Structures are given as structure tokens and as C-alpha cells.
N, C-alpha and C. Protein backbone atom coordinates (compact mmCIF):
# COMPACT_ATOMS: atom_id res chain seq x y z
N MET A 1 -26.37 -6.61 -8.77
CA MET A 1 -25.22 -5.99 -9.38
C MET A 1 -25.22 -4.49 -9.08
N ALA A 2 -24.06 -3.99 -8.78
CA ALA A 2 -23.92 -2.56 -8.52
C ALA A 2 -24.02 -1.78 -9.83
N PRO A 3 -24.56 -0.56 -9.79
CA PRO A 3 -24.62 0.22 -11.02
C PRO A 3 -23.22 0.47 -11.57
N ARG A 4 -23.06 0.32 -12.85
CA ARG A 4 -21.79 0.53 -13.53
C ARG A 4 -22.07 1.38 -14.77
N VAL A 5 -21.02 1.93 -15.32
CA VAL A 5 -21.15 2.71 -16.55
C VAL A 5 -21.87 1.89 -17.62
N GLY A 6 -21.48 0.61 -17.75
CA GLY A 6 -22.04 -0.26 -18.79
C GLY A 6 -23.53 -0.52 -18.64
N LYS A 7 -24.07 -0.36 -17.43
CA LYS A 7 -25.50 -0.64 -17.24
C LYS A 7 -26.38 0.47 -17.79
N ARG A 8 -25.85 1.68 -17.93
CA ARG A 8 -26.65 2.81 -18.37
C ARG A 8 -26.38 3.20 -19.82
N THR A 9 -25.41 2.58 -20.41
CA THR A 9 -24.95 2.93 -21.75
C THR A 9 -25.50 1.96 -22.78
N THR A 10 -25.88 2.49 -23.95
CA THR A 10 -26.29 1.61 -25.05
C THR A 10 -25.03 0.99 -25.64
N LEU A 11 -24.98 -0.32 -25.64
CA LEU A 11 -23.77 -1.06 -26.02
C LEU A 11 -24.08 -2.18 -27.00
N ALA A 12 -23.04 -2.59 -27.70
CA ALA A 12 -23.07 -3.84 -28.48
C ALA A 12 -21.92 -4.68 -27.95
N VAL A 13 -22.26 -5.83 -27.37
CA VAL A 13 -21.28 -6.71 -26.74
C VAL A 13 -21.30 -8.05 -27.46
N LEU A 14 -20.12 -8.61 -27.70
CA LEU A 14 -20.01 -9.95 -28.25
C LEU A 14 -19.37 -10.83 -27.19
N LEU A 15 -20.12 -11.80 -26.68
CA LEU A 15 -19.63 -12.72 -25.68
C LEU A 15 -19.13 -13.97 -26.40
N ILE A 16 -17.84 -14.25 -26.27
CA ILE A 16 -17.16 -15.32 -26.97
C ILE A 16 -16.79 -16.41 -25.98
N GLY A 17 -16.80 -17.65 -26.42
CA GLY A 17 -16.32 -18.73 -25.56
C GLY A 17 -16.68 -20.08 -26.12
N PRO A 18 -16.12 -21.13 -25.53
CA PRO A 18 -16.40 -22.48 -26.00
C PRO A 18 -17.80 -22.93 -25.58
N ALA A 19 -18.24 -24.04 -26.16
CA ALA A 19 -19.49 -24.66 -25.72
C ALA A 19 -19.37 -24.95 -24.23
N GLY A 20 -20.38 -24.58 -23.46
CA GLY A 20 -20.36 -24.84 -22.03
C GLY A 20 -19.72 -23.73 -21.21
N ALA A 21 -19.32 -22.63 -21.85
CA ALA A 21 -18.71 -21.52 -21.11
C ALA A 21 -19.75 -20.75 -20.31
N GLY A 22 -21.01 -20.85 -20.72
CA GLY A 22 -22.08 -20.11 -20.06
C GLY A 22 -22.46 -18.83 -20.80
N LYS A 23 -22.05 -18.73 -22.07
CA LYS A 23 -22.31 -17.52 -22.85
C LYS A 23 -23.79 -17.14 -22.88
N THR A 24 -24.61 -18.08 -23.26
CA THR A 24 -26.03 -17.78 -23.42
C THR A 24 -26.68 -17.46 -22.08
N SER A 25 -26.37 -18.23 -21.04
CA SER A 25 -26.95 -17.98 -19.72
C SER A 25 -26.53 -16.62 -19.18
N VAL A 26 -25.25 -16.29 -19.30
CA VAL A 26 -24.76 -15.00 -18.83
C VAL A 26 -25.35 -13.88 -19.67
N ALA A 27 -25.39 -14.05 -20.99
CA ALA A 27 -25.94 -13.01 -21.87
C ALA A 27 -27.40 -12.72 -21.54
N LYS A 28 -28.19 -13.76 -21.35
CA LYS A 28 -29.61 -13.55 -21.00
C LYS A 28 -29.74 -12.82 -19.66
N TYR A 29 -28.98 -13.26 -18.67
CA TYR A 29 -29.05 -12.64 -17.35
C TYR A 29 -28.63 -11.17 -17.44
N TRP A 30 -27.50 -10.93 -18.11
CA TRP A 30 -26.99 -9.57 -18.23
C TRP A 30 -28.03 -8.67 -18.91
N ALA A 31 -28.61 -9.16 -20.01
CA ALA A 31 -29.62 -8.38 -20.74
C ALA A 31 -30.85 -8.12 -19.87
N ASP A 32 -31.24 -9.10 -19.08
CA ASP A 32 -32.42 -8.96 -18.22
C ASP A 32 -32.24 -7.94 -17.10
N HIS A 33 -31.00 -7.65 -16.73
CA HIS A 33 -30.74 -6.82 -15.55
C HIS A 33 -30.12 -5.47 -15.86
N ARG A 34 -30.24 -5.01 -17.10
CA ARG A 34 -29.73 -3.69 -17.45
C ARG A 34 -30.80 -2.64 -17.23
N ARG A 35 -30.35 -1.40 -17.09
CA ARG A 35 -31.29 -0.29 -16.89
C ARG A 35 -31.74 0.34 -18.19
N VAL A 36 -31.18 -0.12 -19.30
CA VAL A 36 -31.60 0.34 -20.62
C VAL A 36 -32.12 -0.88 -21.37
N PRO A 37 -33.02 -0.68 -22.32
CA PRO A 37 -33.49 -1.81 -23.10
C PRO A 37 -32.31 -2.57 -23.74
N THR A 38 -32.31 -3.87 -23.60
CA THR A 38 -31.21 -4.69 -24.09
C THR A 38 -31.74 -5.98 -24.68
N ALA A 39 -31.25 -6.32 -25.87
CA ALA A 39 -31.64 -7.55 -26.56
C ALA A 39 -30.50 -8.57 -26.45
N HIS A 40 -30.88 -9.83 -26.40
CA HIS A 40 -29.91 -10.92 -26.47
C HIS A 40 -30.08 -11.59 -27.83
N ILE A 41 -28.98 -11.73 -28.55
CA ILE A 41 -29.00 -12.38 -29.86
C ILE A 41 -27.99 -13.52 -29.84
N SER A 42 -28.49 -14.74 -29.94
CA SER A 42 -27.63 -15.92 -29.93
C SER A 42 -27.43 -16.42 -31.35
N LEU A 43 -26.18 -16.48 -31.79
CA LEU A 43 -25.91 -16.97 -33.14
C LEU A 43 -26.45 -18.38 -33.32
N ASP A 44 -26.30 -19.24 -32.32
CA ASP A 44 -26.81 -20.61 -32.45
C ASP A 44 -28.32 -20.63 -32.67
N ASP A 45 -29.04 -19.77 -31.94
CA ASP A 45 -30.49 -19.71 -32.13
C ASP A 45 -30.83 -19.30 -33.56
N VAL A 46 -30.13 -18.30 -34.06
CA VAL A 46 -30.41 -17.81 -35.42
C VAL A 46 -30.04 -18.87 -36.45
N ARG A 47 -28.91 -19.56 -36.26
CA ARG A 47 -28.53 -20.64 -37.18
C ARG A 47 -29.62 -21.70 -37.25
N GLU A 48 -30.23 -21.99 -36.11
CA GLU A 48 -31.24 -23.04 -36.04
C GLU A 48 -32.60 -22.62 -36.57
N TRP A 49 -32.72 -21.38 -37.05
CA TRP A 49 -33.94 -20.99 -37.74
C TRP A 49 -34.11 -21.83 -38.99
N VAL A 50 -33.00 -22.28 -39.56
CA VAL A 50 -33.07 -23.16 -40.73
C VAL A 50 -33.52 -24.52 -40.23
N ARG A 51 -34.65 -24.98 -40.67
CA ARG A 51 -35.18 -26.26 -40.20
C ARG A 51 -34.87 -27.35 -41.22
N SER A 52 -35.45 -27.27 -42.38
CA SER A 52 -35.17 -28.26 -43.42
C SER A 52 -33.87 -27.86 -44.10
N GLY A 53 -32.93 -28.77 -44.13
CA GLY A 53 -31.64 -28.48 -44.75
C GLY A 53 -30.63 -27.85 -43.81
N PHE A 54 -30.90 -27.90 -42.49
CA PHE A 54 -29.95 -27.36 -41.52
C PHE A 54 -28.62 -28.09 -41.65
N ALA A 55 -27.56 -27.34 -41.85
CA ALA A 55 -26.21 -27.91 -41.98
C ALA A 55 -25.57 -27.92 -40.60
N ASP A 56 -25.77 -29.00 -39.88
CA ASP A 56 -25.29 -29.13 -38.51
C ASP A 56 -23.78 -29.26 -38.51
N PRO A 57 -23.07 -28.30 -37.88
CA PRO A 57 -21.61 -28.38 -37.88
C PRO A 57 -21.08 -29.62 -37.17
N GLN A 58 -21.90 -30.24 -36.34
CA GLN A 58 -21.46 -31.47 -35.66
C GLN A 58 -21.23 -32.61 -36.63
N THR A 59 -21.88 -32.55 -37.78
CA THR A 59 -21.67 -33.61 -38.76
C THR A 59 -20.48 -33.30 -39.66
N GLY A 60 -19.82 -32.17 -39.37
CA GLY A 60 -18.63 -31.78 -40.11
C GLY A 60 -18.78 -30.37 -40.64
N TRP A 61 -17.72 -29.60 -40.49
CA TRP A 61 -17.72 -28.23 -40.99
C TRP A 61 -17.44 -28.30 -42.49
N ASN A 62 -18.37 -27.80 -43.28
CA ASN A 62 -18.20 -27.86 -44.73
C ASN A 62 -18.75 -26.56 -45.34
N GLU A 63 -18.81 -26.52 -46.65
CA GLU A 63 -19.26 -25.28 -47.30
C GLU A 63 -20.69 -24.92 -46.93
N HIS A 64 -21.55 -25.92 -46.67
CA HIS A 64 -22.94 -25.63 -46.31
C HIS A 64 -23.05 -25.09 -44.89
N SER A 65 -22.34 -25.72 -43.94
CA SER A 65 -22.39 -25.22 -42.55
C SER A 65 -21.75 -23.84 -42.46
N GLU A 66 -20.67 -23.62 -43.22
CA GLU A 66 -20.03 -22.30 -43.21
C GLU A 66 -20.95 -21.25 -43.83
N ALA A 67 -21.62 -21.58 -44.92
CA ALA A 67 -22.54 -20.64 -45.55
C ALA A 67 -23.69 -20.28 -44.60
N GLN A 68 -24.23 -21.29 -43.90
CA GLN A 68 -25.31 -21.00 -42.96
C GLN A 68 -24.81 -20.20 -41.77
N TYR A 69 -23.57 -20.47 -41.34
CA TYR A 69 -22.98 -19.68 -40.25
C TYR A 69 -22.87 -18.22 -40.68
N ARG A 70 -22.32 -17.99 -41.87
CA ARG A 70 -22.15 -16.61 -42.37
C ARG A 70 -23.50 -15.90 -42.49
N LEU A 71 -24.50 -16.61 -42.99
CA LEU A 71 -25.84 -16.03 -43.11
C LEU A 71 -26.39 -15.67 -41.72
N ALA A 72 -26.21 -16.55 -40.76
CA ALA A 72 -26.70 -16.28 -39.40
C ALA A 72 -25.95 -15.09 -38.80
N ARG A 73 -24.64 -15.01 -39.02
CA ARG A 73 -23.87 -13.89 -38.48
C ARG A 73 -24.32 -12.58 -39.10
N ARG A 74 -24.56 -12.56 -40.42
CA ARG A 74 -25.06 -11.34 -41.07
C ARG A 74 -26.43 -10.97 -40.50
N THR A 75 -27.29 -11.96 -40.28
CA THR A 75 -28.61 -11.71 -39.72
C THR A 75 -28.50 -11.14 -38.32
N CYS A 76 -27.62 -11.71 -37.51
CA CYS A 76 -27.39 -11.20 -36.15
C CYS A 76 -26.86 -9.76 -36.21
N GLY A 77 -25.93 -9.52 -37.11
CA GLY A 77 -25.37 -8.18 -37.25
C GLY A 77 -26.42 -7.16 -37.67
N PHE A 78 -27.26 -7.53 -38.65
CA PHE A 78 -28.34 -6.64 -39.07
C PHE A 78 -29.27 -6.35 -37.90
N SER A 79 -29.63 -7.40 -37.16
CA SER A 79 -30.52 -7.21 -36.00
C SER A 79 -29.87 -6.28 -34.98
N ALA A 80 -28.60 -6.52 -34.69
CA ALA A 80 -27.91 -5.69 -33.70
C ALA A 80 -27.87 -4.23 -34.14
N ARG A 81 -27.52 -3.98 -35.39
CA ARG A 81 -27.47 -2.59 -35.89
C ARG A 81 -28.86 -1.94 -35.81
N ASN A 82 -29.88 -2.70 -36.13
CA ASN A 82 -31.24 -2.18 -36.07
C ASN A 82 -31.64 -1.85 -34.63
N PHE A 83 -31.33 -2.76 -33.70
CA PHE A 83 -31.62 -2.48 -32.29
C PHE A 83 -30.86 -1.24 -31.82
N LEU A 84 -29.55 -1.20 -32.13
CA LEU A 84 -28.72 -0.07 -31.69
C LEU A 84 -29.24 1.25 -32.25
N ALA A 85 -29.66 1.26 -33.51
CA ALA A 85 -30.19 2.47 -34.14
C ALA A 85 -31.46 2.95 -33.45
N ASN A 86 -32.10 2.05 -32.73
CA ASN A 86 -33.33 2.39 -32.02
C ASN A 86 -33.12 2.48 -30.51
N GLY A 87 -31.85 2.64 -30.08
CA GLY A 87 -31.55 2.86 -28.67
C GLY A 87 -31.59 1.62 -27.81
N ILE A 88 -31.53 0.45 -28.42
CA ILE A 88 -31.58 -0.80 -27.67
C ILE A 88 -30.21 -1.47 -27.73
N SER A 89 -29.61 -1.71 -26.56
CA SER A 89 -28.33 -2.40 -26.50
C SER A 89 -28.49 -3.85 -26.94
N CYS A 90 -27.36 -4.47 -27.28
CA CYS A 90 -27.36 -5.88 -27.69
C CYS A 90 -26.21 -6.62 -27.04
N ILE A 91 -26.47 -7.85 -26.71
CA ILE A 91 -25.40 -8.76 -26.35
C ILE A 91 -25.57 -9.98 -27.24
N LEU A 92 -24.53 -10.26 -28.00
CA LEU A 92 -24.53 -11.39 -28.93
C LEU A 92 -23.62 -12.46 -28.34
N ASP A 93 -23.91 -13.73 -28.64
CA ASP A 93 -22.97 -14.77 -28.20
C ASP A 93 -22.67 -15.73 -29.33
N ASP A 94 -21.39 -16.11 -29.37
CA ASP A 94 -20.89 -16.99 -30.43
C ASP A 94 -19.56 -17.61 -29.98
N ALA A 95 -19.28 -18.79 -30.46
CA ALA A 95 -18.01 -19.46 -30.19
C ALA A 95 -17.02 -19.07 -31.28
N VAL A 96 -16.51 -17.85 -31.20
CA VAL A 96 -15.58 -17.34 -32.20
C VAL A 96 -14.19 -17.91 -31.93
N PHE A 97 -13.57 -18.48 -32.96
CA PHE A 97 -12.24 -19.06 -32.80
C PHE A 97 -11.17 -18.04 -33.17
N PRO A 98 -10.14 -17.92 -32.35
CA PRO A 98 -9.08 -16.97 -32.66
C PRO A 98 -8.25 -17.37 -33.88
N ASP A 99 -8.29 -18.65 -34.23
CA ASP A 99 -7.48 -19.14 -35.35
C ASP A 99 -8.28 -19.38 -36.62
N ARG A 100 -9.51 -18.85 -36.69
CA ARG A 100 -10.35 -19.01 -37.88
C ARG A 100 -10.81 -17.65 -38.39
N PRO A 101 -9.99 -16.97 -39.18
CA PRO A 101 -10.38 -15.64 -39.65
C PRO A 101 -11.69 -15.64 -40.45
N VAL A 102 -11.99 -16.75 -41.12
CA VAL A 102 -13.21 -16.83 -41.92
C VAL A 102 -14.45 -16.63 -41.06
N VAL A 103 -14.44 -17.20 -39.87
CA VAL A 103 -15.58 -17.07 -38.97
C VAL A 103 -15.16 -16.34 -37.70
N GLY A 104 -14.27 -15.38 -37.84
CA GLY A 104 -13.70 -14.69 -36.69
C GLY A 104 -14.31 -13.34 -36.41
N LEU A 105 -13.55 -12.57 -35.66
CA LEU A 105 -14.03 -11.26 -35.20
C LEU A 105 -14.23 -10.26 -36.32
N GLY A 106 -13.44 -10.37 -37.39
CA GLY A 106 -13.58 -9.42 -38.49
C GLY A 106 -14.99 -9.36 -39.04
N GLY A 107 -15.61 -10.53 -39.21
CA GLY A 107 -16.99 -10.57 -39.70
C GLY A 107 -17.96 -9.92 -38.73
N TRP A 108 -17.75 -10.14 -37.44
CA TRP A 108 -18.62 -9.52 -36.45
C TRP A 108 -18.47 -8.00 -36.48
N LYS A 109 -17.24 -7.53 -36.55
CA LYS A 109 -17.01 -6.09 -36.59
C LYS A 109 -17.64 -5.49 -37.84
N ARG A 110 -17.51 -6.18 -38.97
CA ARG A 110 -18.07 -5.70 -40.24
C ARG A 110 -19.60 -5.65 -40.17
N HIS A 111 -20.22 -6.65 -39.55
CA HIS A 111 -21.68 -6.72 -39.55
C HIS A 111 -22.35 -5.92 -38.44
N VAL A 112 -21.67 -5.76 -37.30
CA VAL A 112 -22.27 -5.01 -36.19
C VAL A 112 -21.76 -3.59 -36.16
N GLY A 113 -20.47 -3.40 -36.36
CA GLY A 113 -19.89 -2.07 -36.35
C GLY A 113 -18.66 -2.00 -35.47
N PRO A 114 -17.90 -0.93 -35.63
CA PRO A 114 -16.63 -0.82 -34.92
C PRO A 114 -16.76 -0.63 -33.41
N GLY A 115 -17.94 -0.27 -32.93
CA GLY A 115 -18.14 -0.09 -31.48
C GLY A 115 -18.39 -1.38 -30.73
N LEU A 116 -18.40 -2.49 -31.43
CA LEU A 116 -18.65 -3.79 -30.79
C LEU A 116 -17.57 -4.07 -29.75
N LEU A 117 -18.00 -4.50 -28.58
CA LEU A 117 -17.08 -4.82 -27.48
C LEU A 117 -17.02 -6.33 -27.27
N PRO A 118 -15.94 -6.98 -27.72
CA PRO A 118 -15.82 -8.43 -27.51
C PRO A 118 -15.25 -8.75 -26.13
N VAL A 119 -15.83 -9.78 -25.50
CA VAL A 119 -15.36 -10.28 -24.21
C VAL A 119 -15.37 -11.81 -24.30
N VAL A 120 -14.30 -12.43 -23.80
CA VAL A 120 -14.18 -13.89 -23.85
C VAL A 120 -14.52 -14.47 -22.49
N LEU A 121 -15.43 -15.45 -22.48
CA LEU A 121 -15.70 -16.26 -21.28
C LEU A 121 -14.91 -17.54 -21.45
N LEU A 122 -14.01 -17.83 -20.52
CA LEU A 122 -13.17 -19.01 -20.69
C LEU A 122 -12.93 -19.71 -19.35
N PRO A 123 -13.93 -20.49 -18.91
CA PRO A 123 -13.72 -21.29 -17.70
C PRO A 123 -12.82 -22.48 -18.01
N GLY A 124 -12.42 -23.20 -16.97
CA GLY A 124 -11.58 -24.37 -17.14
C GLY A 124 -12.28 -25.49 -17.91
N LEU A 125 -11.47 -26.38 -18.47
CA LEU A 125 -12.00 -27.49 -19.26
C LEU A 125 -12.96 -28.36 -18.46
N ASP A 126 -12.64 -28.64 -17.21
CA ASP A 126 -13.52 -29.48 -16.39
C ASP A 126 -14.91 -28.87 -16.26
N ILE A 127 -14.97 -27.56 -16.16
CA ILE A 127 -16.26 -26.86 -16.03
C ILE A 127 -17.05 -26.95 -17.33
N VAL A 128 -16.40 -26.70 -18.48
CA VAL A 128 -17.15 -26.75 -19.74
C VAL A 128 -17.61 -28.18 -20.04
N LEU A 129 -16.81 -29.17 -19.66
CA LEU A 129 -17.24 -30.56 -19.85
C LEU A 129 -18.47 -30.87 -19.00
N GLU A 130 -18.45 -30.39 -17.78
CA GLU A 130 -19.59 -30.60 -16.87
C GLU A 130 -20.85 -29.92 -17.39
N ARG A 131 -20.70 -28.70 -17.84
CA ARG A 131 -21.85 -27.95 -18.35
C ARG A 131 -22.36 -28.55 -19.66
N ASN A 132 -21.46 -28.98 -20.51
CA ASN A 132 -21.85 -29.60 -21.78
C ASN A 132 -22.66 -30.88 -21.53
N ALA A 133 -22.30 -31.63 -20.50
CA ALA A 133 -23.00 -32.88 -20.17
C ALA A 133 -24.47 -32.61 -19.82
N GLU A 134 -24.77 -31.40 -19.39
CA GLU A 134 -26.15 -31.04 -19.04
C GLU A 134 -26.97 -30.60 -20.24
N ARG A 135 -26.33 -30.43 -21.39
CA ARG A 135 -27.03 -29.99 -22.59
C ARG A 135 -27.71 -31.16 -23.28
N SER A 136 -28.61 -30.82 -24.20
CA SER A 136 -29.29 -31.86 -24.97
C SER A 136 -29.36 -31.45 -26.44
N GLY A 137 -29.79 -32.37 -27.26
CA GLY A 137 -29.97 -32.09 -28.69
C GLY A 137 -28.66 -31.77 -29.38
N ASN A 138 -28.75 -30.97 -30.46
CA ASN A 138 -27.54 -30.68 -31.22
C ASN A 138 -26.63 -29.68 -30.51
N ARG A 139 -27.02 -29.19 -29.35
CA ARG A 139 -26.16 -28.29 -28.56
C ARG A 139 -25.16 -29.08 -27.71
N ARG A 140 -25.45 -30.37 -27.51
CA ARG A 140 -24.53 -31.19 -26.72
C ARG A 140 -23.48 -31.78 -27.65
N LEU A 141 -22.22 -31.56 -27.29
CA LEU A 141 -21.10 -32.04 -28.09
C LEU A 141 -20.42 -33.21 -27.37
N THR A 142 -19.62 -33.95 -28.10
CA THR A 142 -18.84 -35.01 -27.47
C THR A 142 -17.77 -34.37 -26.60
N ASP A 143 -17.30 -35.12 -25.60
CA ASP A 143 -16.23 -34.60 -24.73
C ASP A 143 -15.00 -34.24 -25.54
N GLU A 144 -14.72 -35.05 -26.56
CA GLU A 144 -13.54 -34.79 -27.40
C GLU A 144 -13.67 -33.47 -28.14
N GLU A 145 -14.87 -33.20 -28.67
CA GLU A 145 -15.11 -31.95 -29.39
C GLU A 145 -15.01 -30.75 -28.45
N VAL A 146 -15.58 -30.89 -27.26
CA VAL A 146 -15.52 -29.80 -26.28
C VAL A 146 -14.07 -29.51 -25.91
N ALA A 147 -13.28 -30.57 -25.68
CA ALA A 147 -11.86 -30.39 -25.34
C ALA A 147 -11.10 -29.72 -26.48
N ARG A 148 -11.40 -30.12 -27.70
CA ARG A 148 -10.73 -29.52 -28.86
C ARG A 148 -11.09 -28.04 -28.99
N ILE A 149 -12.37 -27.71 -28.85
CA ILE A 149 -12.81 -26.31 -28.94
C ILE A 149 -12.19 -25.49 -27.81
N HIS A 150 -12.22 -26.04 -26.60
CA HIS A 150 -11.65 -25.32 -25.45
C HIS A 150 -10.17 -25.04 -25.68
N GLY A 151 -9.45 -26.02 -26.20
CA GLY A 151 -8.03 -25.83 -26.49
C GLY A 151 -7.78 -24.73 -27.49
N ARG A 152 -8.62 -24.66 -28.51
CA ARG A 152 -8.47 -23.61 -29.53
C ARG A 152 -8.79 -22.24 -28.95
N MET A 153 -9.69 -22.17 -27.97
CA MET A 153 -10.05 -20.89 -27.36
C MET A 153 -8.90 -20.30 -26.56
N ALA A 154 -7.94 -21.13 -26.15
CA ALA A 154 -6.78 -20.62 -25.41
C ALA A 154 -6.01 -19.61 -26.25
N GLY A 155 -6.22 -19.61 -27.56
CA GLY A 155 -5.59 -18.64 -28.43
C GLY A 155 -6.00 -17.20 -28.13
N TRP A 156 -7.08 -17.02 -27.36
CA TRP A 156 -7.49 -15.66 -27.01
C TRP A 156 -6.56 -15.03 -25.99
N TYR A 157 -5.84 -15.88 -25.21
CA TYR A 157 -4.88 -15.31 -24.27
C TYR A 157 -3.81 -14.58 -25.08
N GLY A 158 -3.46 -13.41 -24.66
CA GLY A 158 -2.48 -12.62 -25.39
C GLY A 158 -3.06 -11.84 -26.56
N SER A 159 -4.37 -11.95 -26.79
CA SER A 159 -5.02 -11.25 -27.91
C SER A 159 -5.32 -9.79 -27.61
N GLY A 160 -5.29 -9.44 -26.35
CA GLY A 160 -5.67 -8.09 -25.95
C GLY A 160 -7.14 -7.97 -25.58
N LEU A 161 -7.93 -9.02 -25.89
CA LEU A 161 -9.35 -8.99 -25.51
C LEU A 161 -9.48 -9.33 -24.03
N PRO A 162 -10.49 -8.74 -23.37
CA PRO A 162 -10.72 -9.10 -21.98
C PRO A 162 -11.21 -10.54 -21.88
N ILE A 163 -10.68 -11.27 -20.89
CA ILE A 163 -11.05 -12.67 -20.67
C ILE A 163 -11.56 -12.82 -19.25
N ILE A 164 -12.71 -13.47 -19.11
CA ILE A 164 -13.29 -13.76 -17.80
C ILE A 164 -13.24 -15.27 -17.60
N ASP A 165 -12.53 -15.70 -16.55
CA ASP A 165 -12.56 -17.12 -16.15
C ASP A 165 -13.69 -17.25 -15.14
N ASN A 166 -14.80 -17.78 -15.60
CA ASN A 166 -15.98 -17.90 -14.74
C ASN A 166 -16.10 -19.31 -14.15
N SER A 167 -14.99 -19.98 -13.98
CA SER A 167 -15.00 -21.34 -13.42
C SER A 167 -15.64 -21.39 -12.04
N GLN A 168 -15.35 -20.40 -11.22
CA GLN A 168 -15.84 -20.40 -9.84
C GLN A 168 -16.94 -19.36 -9.60
N LEU A 169 -17.51 -18.84 -10.69
CA LEU A 169 -18.52 -17.80 -10.57
C LEU A 169 -19.88 -18.31 -11.03
N ASP A 170 -20.94 -17.88 -10.34
CA ASP A 170 -22.27 -18.22 -10.82
C ASP A 170 -22.67 -17.17 -11.87
N ILE A 171 -23.86 -17.30 -12.40
CA ILE A 171 -24.29 -16.41 -13.48
C ILE A 171 -24.36 -14.95 -13.04
N PRO A 172 -24.99 -14.62 -11.88
CA PRO A 172 -25.00 -13.21 -11.47
C PRO A 172 -23.60 -12.65 -11.22
N GLU A 173 -22.72 -13.43 -10.63
CA GLU A 173 -21.35 -12.95 -10.39
C GLU A 173 -20.62 -12.71 -11.71
N THR A 174 -20.82 -13.60 -12.67
CA THR A 174 -20.19 -13.42 -13.98
C THR A 174 -20.73 -12.18 -14.68
N ALA A 175 -22.04 -11.96 -14.59
CA ALA A 175 -22.64 -10.77 -15.20
C ALA A 175 -22.11 -9.50 -14.54
N HIS A 176 -21.92 -9.53 -13.24
CA HIS A 176 -21.36 -8.37 -12.53
C HIS A 176 -19.93 -8.10 -13.01
N LEU A 177 -19.14 -9.16 -13.13
CA LEU A 177 -17.77 -9.01 -13.62
C LEU A 177 -17.78 -8.52 -15.08
N LEU A 178 -18.74 -8.99 -15.87
CA LEU A 178 -18.88 -8.51 -17.25
C LEU A 178 -19.12 -7.00 -17.26
N ASP A 179 -19.97 -6.50 -16.36
CA ASP A 179 -20.18 -5.05 -16.25
C ASP A 179 -18.87 -4.32 -15.98
N GLU A 180 -18.08 -4.85 -15.07
CA GLU A 180 -16.80 -4.22 -14.74
C GLU A 180 -15.85 -4.22 -15.94
N VAL A 181 -15.78 -5.36 -16.62
CA VAL A 181 -14.92 -5.47 -17.81
C VAL A 181 -15.38 -4.50 -18.89
N LEU A 182 -16.68 -4.41 -19.09
CA LEU A 182 -17.20 -3.50 -20.11
C LEU A 182 -16.94 -2.04 -19.75
N SER A 183 -17.03 -1.70 -18.47
CA SER A 183 -16.71 -0.33 -18.04
C SER A 183 -15.27 0.01 -18.41
N ARG A 184 -14.35 -0.93 -18.18
CA ARG A 184 -12.95 -0.70 -18.55
C ARG A 184 -12.79 -0.62 -20.07
N SER A 185 -13.54 -1.48 -20.80
CA SER A 185 -13.45 -1.49 -22.27
C SER A 185 -13.99 -0.20 -22.88
N ILE A 186 -15.01 0.38 -22.25
CA ILE A 186 -15.55 1.65 -22.73
C ILE A 186 -14.52 2.75 -22.51
N ALA A 187 -13.87 2.72 -21.37
CA ALA A 187 -12.87 3.73 -21.05
C ALA A 187 -11.62 3.58 -21.91
N SER A 188 -11.25 2.34 -22.20
CA SER A 188 -10.05 2.06 -22.99
C SER A 188 -10.33 0.86 -23.89
N PRO A 189 -10.93 1.09 -25.07
CA PRO A 189 -11.33 -0.03 -25.93
C PRO A 189 -10.15 -0.92 -26.32
N PRO A 190 -10.39 -2.25 -26.33
CA PRO A 190 -9.32 -3.16 -26.74
C PRO A 190 -9.03 -3.02 -28.23
N ASN A 191 -7.79 -3.26 -28.61
CA ASN A 191 -7.42 -3.26 -30.02
C ASN A 191 -7.72 -4.65 -30.59
N TRP A 192 -8.52 -4.67 -31.64
CA TRP A 192 -8.81 -5.96 -32.28
C TRP A 192 -9.15 -5.75 -33.71
């Protein structure tokens, strides 16, 4: 990746997208290749810290899964603020829905801070279905669920947030494009 403004700057980035978009893979790669210390914080990883009594959203979104989601988001936000206060950039990843204010961007902004830069990864449905098929455990969703989530993510179009269609891009290419998008976002932050 070519040096970009975003590679030298301490940042807080929220990578949004459906299951199978490549959020975690891109976030890890991007964090690994920055010139400043950078942490990767995955909301799913933090949610899964709960072992006994884990409220798996795959069994249905209810008050318990929502409460655990909110707790994980607060924990991620606290971690991000702590890293940022110590000069360490963060990239967080989560499947934020544009039509769910309860678990939407407002909570992320509240917990991380107003400097958070959201970017949407939104490859085509065929790609997310293919990538989801390679997953295992509670991270693998049914094709119907993936299609439903992907359809809801289309709500990000017209939101003003930067969107990367990484259907034809590998992880390093997507990370490079993320750097470019972040450089533009730093120069002219999106309204959200």
C-alpha cells in the first residue's frame, strides 16, 4: 500500500458491513500494515467473551441478545477511547444496520467519540454468500439470513457514508482503498 494520510494519523475507524463482507479480514490487515500502532476490535469477538449464557442472535434477536450487544459495544467503545488516549489507532468492525437506531451508529459515536470514521464494506450478495459458506460455528449464517442482512445493508446507499464494493478486490486492495477513503474522510468528514 502506498503511504496515505490515514496511515500516519491516529484514527478511530468503524468498518460496517454484512456477514461475509470481509470486515474482520480487512480490519486485521489494515491494522497490521499501518505506520502507527493500531488495534483491531471486533464486536463479535467481544460479544463472544460471554461463554455461559451467551445470547446468540442466531436463535432470535431478543432483550438478552440486545443487552449483550449493547454491553459489547460499550466495552469496544471504552477500549477504543483508551487506545486512542494512548496514541493507538483503532479499527472496529460491526454489522451496523441503517434501519436499527437501537444498535446503530449513534451508539458507536456515543461510546467511541465524534471523531469516529465509519466506512461501509458492501460487496455483492453472491460474494457474501460465498464467503459465509466458508465460515464455521456461530459465525456461519443461513443463506436466507445473509440475504436478508445484505438487503438491509443497502440502506447505507444515500446515507452519505463512504461505501466500498470489495466484490472484485482482495484484502490488500480493499485495505488500500480503505486508506484512500479515510484520507478523503479526514479532509471532509461525512455527516452522520
